[in-house]
Each structure stands twice: as structure tokens, then as C-alpha cells.
Amino acid sequence: MRLVLPAILGSLLGFFALAVAVQDEPIVSAPLLSVFSPGLRVAEMLTPAKHESLGSTFGGFLRVAIGVNAVLYFSIFALAGYLIDRRLRR
């Protein structure tokens, strides 16, 4: 249970961070976007290497971007949960 809640929250927040980043990409600076949604930049670097149909390329782009964002936010929530648990045990 200790890892399930951060995984769920990380996946949800990673998805929403990607949605906000894609929507605000022309307005917000690139370094600020990379802080909140690093999956967008990673997916942009990996996706052009494939030359497939548009649906397949876009699907791969989304899987990479959401996955990277989910891992980032999972690690943040897991670390926060660990620190809170450690503090409460003392």
C-alpha cells in the first residue's frame, strides 16, 4: 500500500502535467515546461526516430511522455511519503 498511492497519484499528475504542458507550450518558456513535464521533452527526442503512421507515432509519443512524467511524480510522492512516515515514527 505504501507504493500504490504514490503510483496512482504520480500517474494522474503526470498525465495532467503533460496536458497542461502541451496546451501552454507556445506561451511558457521551454526550461519551465521541462521542470513540470520532462516527459514532453524526452518524447520529442525519441519519437522522431520512428517513421510510422501518424497514429502509431502519436501513441508512442503519449506513452513515453506520460510514462516519464509518472515516474517523476511517483518518485516525488514516494519520497514525500517516506519522509513523512519517518518523521511520524520518531
PDB file of N, CA and C in Angstrom:
ATOM      1  N   MET A   1       0.832  -1.196   0.000  1.00  0.00           N
ATOM      2  CA  MET A   1       0.000   0.000   0.000  1.00  0.00           C
ATOM      3  C   MET A   1       0.873   1.255   0.000  1.00  0.00           C
ATOM      4  N   ARG A   2       2.079   1.117   0.524  1.00  0.00           N
ATOM      5  CA  ARG A   2       2.968   2.262   0.622  1.00  0.00           C
ATOM      6  C   ARG A   2       3.359   2.801  -0.759  1.00  0.00           C
ATOM      7  N   LEU A   3       3.425   1.925  -1.754  1.00  0.00           N
ATOM      8  CA  LEU A   3       3.816   2.358  -3.093  1.00  0.00           C
ATOM      9  C   LEU A   3       2.634   2.541  -4.035  1.00  0.00           C
ATOM     10  N   VAL A   4       1.477   2.020  -3.669  1.00  0.00           N
ATOM     11  CA  VAL A   4       0.322   2.102  -4.558  1.00  0.00           C
ATOM     12  C   VAL A   4      -0.204   3.530  -4.659  1.00  0.00           C
ATOM     13  N   LEU A   5      -0.363   4.199  -3.539  1.00  0.00           N
ATOM     14  CA  LEU A   5      -0.892   5.565  -3.558  1.00  0.00           C
ATOM     15  C   LEU A   5       0.029   6.529  -4.318  1.00  0.00           C
ATOM     16  N   PRO A   6       1.355   6.515  -4.082  1.00  0.00           N
ATOM     17  CA  PRO A   6       2.212   7.385  -4.889  1.00  0.00           C
ATOM     18  C   PRO A   6       2.186   7.034  -6.375  1.00  0.00           C
ATOM     19  N   ALA A   7       2.026   5.752  -6.701  1.00  0.00           N
ATOM     20  CA  ALA A   7       1.962   5.364  -8.110  1.00  0.00           C
ATOM     21  C   ALA A   7       0.701   5.909  -8.769  1.00  0.00           C
ATOM     22  N   ILE A   8      -0.416   5.814  -8.087  1.00  0.00           N
ATOM     23  CA  ILE A   8      -1.676   6.329  -8.645  1.00  0.00           C
ATOM     24  C   ILE A   8      -1.618   7.850  -8.769  1.00  0.00           C
ATOM     25  N   LEU A   9      -1.185   8.515  -7.704  1.00  0.00           N
ATOM     26  CA  LEU A   9      -1.083   9.976  -7.759  1.00  0.00           C
ATOM     27  C   LEU A   9      -0.072  10.436  -8.798  1.00  0.00           C
ATOM     28  N   GLY A  10       1.055   9.726  -8.910  1.00  0.00           N
ATOM     29  CA  GLY A  10       2.071  10.075  -9.896  1.00  0.00           C
ATOM     30  C   GLY A  10       1.567   9.933 -11.317  1.00  0.00           C
ATOM     31  N   SER A  11       0.808   8.865 -11.572  1.00  0.00           N
ATOM     32  CA  SER A  11       0.249   8.671 -12.920  1.00  0.00           C
ATOM     33  C   SER A  11      -0.750   9.766 -13.269  1.00  0.00           C
ATOM     34  N   LEU A  12      -1.623  10.079 -12.332  1.00  0.00           N
ATOM     35  CA  LEU A  12      -2.621  11.121 -12.592  1.00  0.00           C
ATOM     36  C   LEU A  12      -1.974  12.486 -12.781  1.00  0.00           C
ATOM     37  N   LEU A  13      -1.065  12.838 -11.885  1.00  0.00           N
ATOM     38  CA  LEU A  13      -0.409  14.138 -12.000  1.00  0.00           C
ATOM     39  C   LEU A  13       0.481  14.205 -13.235  1.00  0.00           C
ATOM     40  N   GLY A  14       1.120  13.097 -13.596  1.00  0.00           N
ATOM     41  CA  GLY A  14       1.936  13.062 -14.814  1.00  0.00           C
ATOM     42  C   GLY A  14       1.102  13.291 -16.064  1.00  0.00           C
ATOM     43  N   PHE A  15      -0.083  12.696 -16.104  1.00  0.00           N
ATOM     44  CA  PHE A  15      -0.986  12.893 -17.238  1.00  0.00           C
ATOM     45  C   PHE A  15      -1.442  14.344 -17.327  1.00  0.00           C
ATOM     46  N   PHE A  16      -1.847  14.908 -16.196  1.00  0.00           N
ATOM     47  CA  PHE A  16      -2.321  16.293 -16.204  1.00  0.00           C
ATOM     48  C   PHE A  16      -1.189  17.283 -16.477  1.00  0.00           C
ATOM     49  N   ALA A  17       0.025  16.980 -16.016  1.00  0.00           N
ATOM     50  CA  ALA A  17       1.161  17.853 -16.315  1.00  0.00           C
ATOM     51  C   ALA A  17       1.446  17.863 -17.809  1.00  0.00           C
ATOM     52  N   LEU A  18       1.315  16.710 -18.457  1.00  0.00           N
ATOM     53  CA  LEU A  18       1.502  16.656 -19.901  1.00  0.00           C
ATOM     54  C   LEU A  18       0.418  17.445 -20.622  1.00  0.00           C
ATOM     55  N   ALA A  19      -0.819  17.323 -20.163  1.00  0.00           N
ATOM     56  CA  ALA A  19      -1.915  18.060 -20.794  1.00  0.00           C
ATOM     57  C   ALA A  19      -1.707  19.567 -20.685  1.00  0.00           C
ATOM     58  N   VAL A  20      -1.289  20.035 -19.529  1.00  0.00           N
ATOM     59  CA  VAL A  20      -1.041  21.464 -19.339  1.00  0.00           C
ATOM     60  C   VAL A  20       0.157  21.907 -20.163  1.00  0.00           C
ATOM     61  N   ALA A  21       1.194  21.082 -20.220  1.00  0.00           N
ATOM     62  CA  ALA A  21       2.398  21.443 -20.967  1.00  0.00           C
ATOM     63  C   ALA A  21       2.117  21.546 -22.462  1.00  0.00           C
ATOM     64  N   VAL A  22       1.350  20.609 -22.993  1.00  0.00           N
ATOM     65  CA  VAL A  22       1.027  20.651 -24.421  1.00  0.00           C
ATOM     66  C   VAL A  22       0.172  21.868 -24.734  1.00  0.00           C
ATOM     67  N   GLN A  23      -0.755  22.184 -23.861  1.00  0.00           N
ATOM     68  CA  GLN A  23      -1.641  23.324 -24.084  1.00  0.00           C
ATOM     69  C   GLN A  23      -0.877  24.647 -24.000  1.00  0.00           C
ATOM     70  N   ASP A  24       0.047  24.765 -23.047  1.00  0.00           N
ATOM     71  CA  ASP A  24       0.738  26.031 -22.816  1.00  0.00           C
ATOM     72  C   ASP A  24       2.121  26.096 -23.443  1.00  0.00           C
ATOM     73  N   GLU A  25       2.477  25.161 -24.312  1.00  0.00           N
ATOM     74  CA  GLU A  25       3.824  25.131 -24.877  1.00  0.00           C
ATOM     75  C   GLU A  25       4.205  26.409 -25.616  1.00  0.00           C
ATOM     76  N   PRO A  26       3.330  27.011 -26.431  1.00  0.00           N
ATOM     77  CA  PRO A  26       3.736  28.242 -27.106  1.00  0.00           C
ATOM     78  C   PRO A  26       3.888  29.439 -26.165  1.00  0.00           C
ATOM     79  N   ILE A  27       3.251  29.414 -25.005  1.00  0.00           N
ATOM     80  CA  ILE A  27       3.233  30.561 -24.104  1.00  0.00           C
ATOM     81  C   ILE A  27       4.361  30.503 -23.078  1.00  0.00           C
ATOM     82  N   VAL A  28       4.584  29.334 -22.498  1.00  0.00           N
ATOM     83  CA  VAL A  28       5.538  29.165 -21.397  1.00  0.00           C
ATOM     84  C   VAL A  28       6.918  28.830 -21.960  1.00  0.00           C
ATOM     85  N   SER A  29       7.964  29.293 -21.277  1.00  0.00           N
ATOM     86  CA  SER A  29       9.327  29.040 -21.748  1.00  0.00           C
ATOM     87  C   SER A  29       9.668  27.548 -21.644  1.00  0.00           C
ATOM     88  N   ALA A  30      10.589  27.108 -22.490  1.00  0.00           N
ATOM     89  CA  ALA A  30      10.965  25.691 -22.550  1.00  0.00           C
ATOM     90  C   ALA A  30      11.576  25.175 -21.241  1.00  0.00           C
ATOM     91  N   PRO A  31      12.466  25.929 -20.576  1.00  0.00           N
ATOM     92  CA  PRO A  31      13.006  25.402 -19.312  1.00  0.00           C
ATOM     93  C   PRO A  31      11.934  25.198 -18.237  1.00  0.00           C
ATOM     94  N   LEU A  32      10.956  26.085 -18.172  1.00  0.00           N
ATOM     95  CA  LEU A  32       9.890  25.942 -17.183  1.00  0.00           C
ATOM     96  C   LEU A  32       9.003  24.732 -17.508  1.00  0.00           C
ATOM     97  N   LEU A  33       8.742  24.503 -18.788  1.00  0.00           N
ATOM     98  CA  LEU A  33       7.975  23.323 -19.188  1.00  0.00           C
ATOM     99  C   LEU A  33       8.720  22.038 -18.842  1.00  0.00           C
ATOM    100  N   SER A  34      10.032  22.058 -19.010  1.00  0.00           N
ATOM    101  CA  SER A  34      10.824  20.862 -18.720  1.00  0.00           C
ATOM    102  C   SER A  34      10.838  20.523 -17.248  1.00  0.00           C
ATOM    103  N   VAL A  35      10.646  21.510 -16.392  1.00  0.00           N
ATOM    104  CA  VAL A  35      10.605  21.244 -14.954  1.00  0.00           C
ATOM    105  C   VAL A  35       9.308  20.527 -14.583  1.00  0.00           C
ATOM    106  N   PHE A  36       8.182  20.991 -15.112  1.00  0.00           N
ATOM    107  CA  PHE A  36       6.893  20.417 -14.739  1.00  0.00           C
ATOM    108  C   PHE A  36       6.516  19.200 -15.576  1.00  0.00           C
ATOM    109  N   SER A  37       6.999  19.112 -16.805  1.00  0.00           N
ATOM    110  CA  SER A  37       6.665  17.993 -17.676  1.00  0.00           C
ATOM    111  C   SER A  37       7.899  17.553 -18.468  1.00  0.00           C
ATOM    112  N   PRO A  38       8.840  16.863 -17.819  1.00  0.00           N
ATOM    113  CA  PRO A  38      10.032  16.435 -18.556  1.00  0.00           C
ATOM    114  C   PRO A  38       9.710  15.376 -19.605  1.00  0.00           C
ATOM    115  N   GLY A  39       8.598  14.694 -19.457  1.00  0.00           N
ATOM    116  CA  GLY A  39       8.213  13.684 -20.428  1.00  0.00           C
ATOM    117  C   GLY A  39       7.972  14.255 -21.805  1.00  0.00           C
ATOM    118  N   LEU A  40       7.526  15.487 -21.874  1.00  0.00           N
ATOM    119  CA  LEU A  40       7.287  16.139 -23.166  1.00  0.00           C
ATOM    120  C   LEU A  40       8.586  16.262 -23.944  1.00  0.00           C
ATOM    121  N   ARG A  41       9.653  16.685 -23.295  1.00  0.00           N
ATOM    122  CA  ARG A  41      10.945  16.854 -23.971  1.00  0.00           C
ATOM    123  C   ARG A  41      11.573  15.507 -24.331  1.00  0.00           C
ATOM    124  N   VAL A  42      11.449  14.543 -23.435  1.00  0.00           N
ATOM    125  CA  VAL A  42      12.001  13.213 -23.713  1.00  0.00           C
ATOM    126  C   VAL A  42      11.270  12.589 -24.897  1.00  0.00           C
ATOM    127  N   ALA A  43       9.950  12.707 -24.915  1.00  0.00           N
ATOM    128  CA  ALA A  43       9.167  12.152 -26.019  1.00  0.00           C
ATOM    129  C   ALA A  43       9.484  12.857 -27.337  1.00  0.00           C
ATOM    130  N   GLU A  44       9.733  14.147 -27.301  1.00  0.00           N
ATOM    131  CA  GLU A  44      10.095  14.875 -28.518  1.00  0.00           C
ATOM    132  C   GLU A  44      11.435  14.395 -29.067  1.00  0.00           C
ATOM    133  N   MET A  45      12.349  13.988 -28.175  1.00  0.00           N
ATOM    134  CA  MET A  45      13.647  13.486 -28.642  1.00  0.00           C
ATOM    135  C   MET A  45      13.541  12.062 -29.178  1.00  0.00           C
ATOM    136  N   LEU A  46      12.680  11.223 -28.610  1.00  0.00           N
ATOM    137  CA  LEU A  46      12.605   9.822 -29.003  1.00  0.00           C
ATOM    138  C   LEU A  46      11.660   9.557 -30.172  1.00  0.00           C
ATOM    139  N   THR A  47      10.586  10.278 -30.274  1.00  0.00           N
ATOM    140  CA  THR A  47       9.553   9.977 -31.270  1.00  0.00           C
ATOM    141  C   THR A  47      10.002  10.192 -32.715  1.00  0.00           C
ATOM    142  N   PRO A  48      10.736  11.239 -33.075  1.00  0.00           N
ATOM    143  CA  PRO A  48      11.093  11.410 -34.486  1.00  0.00           C
ATOM    144  C   PRO A  48      11.975  10.301 -35.054  1.00  0.00           C
ATOM    145  N   ALA A  49      12.546   9.452 -34.219  1.00  0.00           N
ATOM    146  CA  ALA A  49      13.391   8.369 -34.713  1.00  0.00           C
ATOM    147  C   ALA A  49      12.579   7.317 -35.473  1.00  0.00           C
ATOM    148  N   LYS A  50      11.278   7.257 -35.232  1.00  0.00           N
ATOM    149  CA  LYS A  50      10.421   6.279 -35.901  1.00  0.00           C
ATOM    150  C   LYS A  50       9.736   6.932 -37.097  1.00  0.00           C
ATOM    151  N   HIS A  51       9.597   6.157 -38.155  1.00  0.00           N
ATOM    152  CA  HIS A  51       8.868   6.638 -39.332  1.00  0.00           C
ATOM    153  C   HIS A  51       7.715   5.682 -39.585  1.00  0.00           C
ATOM    154  N   GLU A  52       6.642   5.886 -38.832  1.00  0.00           N
ATOM    155  CA  GLU A  52       5.460   5.042 -38.934  1.00  0.00           C
ATOM    156  C   GLU A  52       4.244   5.925 -39.182  1.00  0.00           C
ATOM    157  N   SER A  53       3.069   5.345 -39.076  1.00  0.00           N
ATOM    158  CA  SER A  53       1.851   6.108 -39.292  1.00  0.00           C
ATOM    159  C   SER A  53       1.685   7.160 -38.196  1.00  0.00           C
ATOM    160  N   LEU A  54       0.862   8.147 -38.455  1.00  0.00           N
ATOM    161  CA  LEU A  54       0.646   9.235 -37.503  1.00  0.00           C
ATOM    162  C   LEU A  54       0.066   8.719 -36.190  1.00  0.00           C
ATOM    163  N   GLY A  55      -0.894   7.807 -36.271  1.00  0.00           N
ATOM    164  CA  GLY A  55      -1.495   7.253 -35.057  1.00  0.00           C
ATOM    165  C   GLY A  55      -0.486   6.496 -34.211  1.00  0.00           C
ATOM    166  N   SER A  56       0.358   5.725 -34.855  1.00  0.00           N
ATOM    167  CA  SER A  56       1.373   4.965 -34.125  1.00  0.00           C
ATOM    168  C   SER A  56       2.414   5.891 -33.511  1.00  0.00           C
ATOM    169  N   THR A  57       2.826   6.908 -34.262  1.00  0.00           N
ATOM    170  CA  THR A  57       3.813   7.854 -33.752  1.00  0.00           C
ATOM    171  C   THR A  57       3.245   8.651 -32.583  1.00  0.00           C
ATOM    172  N   PHE A  58       2.015   9.115 -32.709  1.00  0.00           N
ATOM    173  CA  PHE A  58       1.393   9.885 -31.626  1.00  0.00           C
ATOM    174  C   PHE A  58       1.159   9.019 -30.398  1.00  0.00           C
ATOM    175  N   GLY A  59       0.745   7.776 -30.611  1.00  0.00           N
ATOM    176  CA  GLY A  59       0.555   6.859 -29.492  1.00  0.00           C
ATOM    177  C   GLY A  59       1.859   6.600 -28.749  1.00  0.00           C
ATOM    178  N   GLY A  60       2.944   6.415 -29.501  1.00  0.00           N
ATOM    179  CA  GLY A  60       4.255   6.230 -28.874  1.00  0.00           C
ATOM    180  C   GLY A  60       4.695   7.468 -28.123  1.00  0.00           C
ATOM    181  N   PHE A  61       4.429   8.634 -28.701  1.00  0.00           N
ATOM    182  CA  PHE A  61       4.758   9.904 -28.051  1.00  0.00           C
ATOM    183  C   PHE A  61       4.043  10.019 -26.707  1.00  0.00           C
ATOM    184  N   LEU A  62       2.751   9.704 -26.695  1.00  0.00           N
ATOM    185  CA  LEU A  62       1.978   9.792 -25.450  1.00  0.00           C
ATOM    186  C   LEU A  62       2.452   8.789 -24.405  1.00  0.00           C
ATOM    187  N   ARG A  63       2.751   7.560 -24.835  1.00  0.00           N
ATOM    188  CA  ARG A  63       3.228   6.548 -23.876  1.00  0.00           C
ATOM    189  C   ARG A  63       4.535   6.985 -23.227  1.00  0.00           C
ATOM    190  N   VAL A  64       5.462   7.504 -24.015  1.00  0.00           N
ATOM    191  CA  VAL A  64       6.752   7.934 -23.462  1.00  0.00           C
ATOM    192  C   VAL A  64       6.563   9.128 -22.534  1.00  0.00           C
ATOM    193  N   ALA A  65       5.820  10.130 -22.976  1.00  0.00           N
ATOM    194  CA  ALA A  65       5.645  11.352 -22.189  1.00  0.00           C
ATOM    195  C   ALA A  65       4.917  11.073 -20.874  1.00  0.00           C
ATOM    196  N   ILE A  66       3.835  10.324 -20.918  1.00  0.00           N
ATOM    197  CA  ILE A  66       3.089  10.024 -19.692  1.00  0.00           C
ATOM    198  C   ILE A  66       3.925   9.132 -18.773  1.00  0.00           C
ATOM    199  N   GLY A  67       4.649   8.194 -19.338  1.00  0.00           N
ATOM    200  CA  GLY A  67       5.489   7.314 -18.524  1.00  0.00           C
ATOM    201  C   GLY A  67       6.587   8.056 -17.791  1.00  0.00           C
ATOM    202  N   VAL A  68       7.271   8.956 -18.486  1.00  0.00           N
ATOM    203  CA  VAL A  68       8.343   9.729 -17.839  1.00  0.00           C
ATOM    204  C   VAL A  68       7.773  10.649 -16.773  1.00  0.00           C
ATOM    205  N   ASN A  69       6.674  11.311 -17.068  1.00  0.00           N
ATOM    206  CA  ASN A  69       6.049  12.181 -16.067  1.00  0.00           C
ATOM    207  C   ASN A  69       5.564  11.376 -14.863  1.00  0.00           C
ATOM    208  N   ALA A  70       4.988  10.214 -15.103  1.00  0.00           N
ATOM    209  CA  ALA A  70       4.501   9.385 -13.995  1.00  0.00           C
ATOM    210  C   ALA A  70       5.655   8.937 -13.100  1.00  0.00           C
ATOM    211  N   VAL A  71       6.781   8.573 -13.699  1.00  0.00           N
ATOM    212  CA  VAL A  71       7.945   8.166 -12.898  1.00  0.00           C
ATOM    213  C   VAL A  71       8.464   9.340 -12.069  1.00  0.00           C
ATOM    214  N   LEU A  72       8.500  10.525 -12.657  1.00  0.00           N
ATOM    215  CA  LEU A  72       8.958  11.707 -11.923  1.00  0.00           C
ATOM    216  C   LEU A  72       8.057  11.987 -10.719  1.00  0.00           C
ATOM    217  N   TYR A  73       6.761  12.060 -10.954  1.00  0.00           N
ATOM    218  CA  TYR A  73       5.852  12.400  -9.866  1.00  0.00           C
ATOM    219  C   TYR A  73       5.710  11.258  -8.865  1.00  0.00           C
ATOM    220  N   PHE A  74       5.842   9.994  -9.320  1.00  0.00           N
ATOM    221  CA  PHE A  74       5.858   8.877  -8.384  1.00  0.00           C
ATOM    222  C   PHE A  74       7.036   9.003  -7.423  1.00  0.00           C
ATOM    223  N   SER A  75       8.200   9.330  -7.957  1.00  0.00           N
ATOM    224  CA  SER A  75       9.374   9.451  -7.087  1.00  0.00           C
ATOM    225  C   SER A  75       9.212  10.600  -6.095  1.00  0.00           C
ATOM    226  N   ILE A  76       8.596  11.679  -6.524  1.00  0.00           N
ATOM    227  CA  ILE A  76       8.362  12.808  -5.610  1.00  0.00           C
ATOM    228  C   ILE A  76       7.400  12.403  -4.496  1.00  0.00           C
ATOM    229  N   PHE A  77       6.282  11.761  -4.861  1.00  0.00           N
ATOM    230  CA  PHE A  77       5.307  11.350  -3.848  1.00  0.00           C
ATOM    231  C   PHE A  77       5.856  10.247  -2.952  1.00  0.00           C
ATOM    232  N   ALA A  78       6.616   9.317  -3.500  1.00  0.00           N
ATOM    233  CA  ALA A  78       7.187   8.243  -2.680  1.00  0.00           C
ATOM    234  C   ALA A  78       8.198   8.806  -1.687  1.00  0.00           C
ATOM    235  N   LEU A  79       9.017   9.755  -2.135  1.00  0.00           N
ATOM    236  CA  LEU A  79       9.982  10.388  -1.232  1.00  0.00           C
ATOM    237  C   LEU A  79       9.265  11.178  -0.138  1.00  0.00           C
ATOM    238  N   ALA A  80       8.233  11.913  -0.518  1.00  0.00           N
ATOM    239  CA  ALA A  80       7.475  12.677   0.474  1.00  0.00           C
ATOM    240  C   ALA A  80       6.808  11.736   1.478  1.00  0.00           C
ATOM    241  N   GLY A  81       6.240  10.635   1.014  1.00  0.00           N
ATOM    242  CA  GLY A  81       5.628   9.663   1.909  1.00  0.00           C
ATOM    243  C   GLY A  81       6.640   9.028   2.848  1.00  0.00           C
ATOM    244  N   TYR A  82       7.818   8.728   2.319  1.00  0.00           N
ATOM    245  CA  TYR A  82       8.873   8.151   3.151  1.00  0.00           C
ATOM    246  C   TYR A  82       9.306   9.130   4.241  1.00  0.00           C
ATOM    247  N   LEU A  83       9.491  10.396   3.858  1.00  0.00           N
ATOM    248  CA  LEU A  83       9.927  11.388   4.836  1.00  0.00           C
ATOM    249  C   LEU A  83       8.858  11.641   5.895  1.00  0.00           C
ATOM    250  N   ILE A  84       7.603  11.680   5.497  1.00  0.00           N
ATOM    251  CA  ILE A  84       6.520  11.875   6.472  1.00  0.00           C
ATOM    252  C   ILE A  84       6.426  10.671   7.401  1.00  0.00           C
ATOM    253  N   ASP A  85       6.517   9.462   6.842  1.00  0.00           N
ATOM    254  CA  ASP A  85       6.463   8.250   7.659  1.00  0.00           C
ATOM    255  C   ASP A  85       7.632   8.186   8.635  1.00  0.00           C
ATOM    256  N   ARG A  86       8.776   8.565   8.179  1.00  0.00           N
ATOM    257  CA  ARG A  86       9.968   8.557   9.027  1.00  0.00           C
ATOM    258  C   ARG A  86       9.832   9.567  10.167  1.00  0.00           C
ATOM    259  N   ARG A  87       9.280  10.713   9.844  1.00  0.00           N
ATOM    260  CA  ARG A  87       9.104  11.748  10.869  1.00  0.00           C
ATOM    261  C   ARG A  87       8.054  11.342  11.898  1.00  0.00           C
ATOM    262  N   LEU A  88       6.976  10.686  11.466  1.00  0.00           N
ATOM    263  CA  LEU A  88       5.917  10.270  12.383  1.00  0.00           C
ATOM    264  C   LEU A  88       6.358   9.129  13.303  1.00  0.00           C
ATOM    265  N   ARG A  89       7.294   8.329  12.866  1.00  0.00           N
ATOM    266  CA  ARG A  89       7.769   7.205  13.694  1.00  0.00           C
ATOM    267  C   ARG A  89       8.650   7.679  14.848  1.00  0.00           C
ATOM    268  N   ARG A  90       9.196   8.841  14.748  1.00  0.00           N
ATOM    269  CA  ARG A  90      10.078   9.349  15.812  1.00  0.00           C
ATOM    270  C   ARG A  90       9.270   9.899  16.886  1.00  0.00           C
TER     271      ARG A  90
END
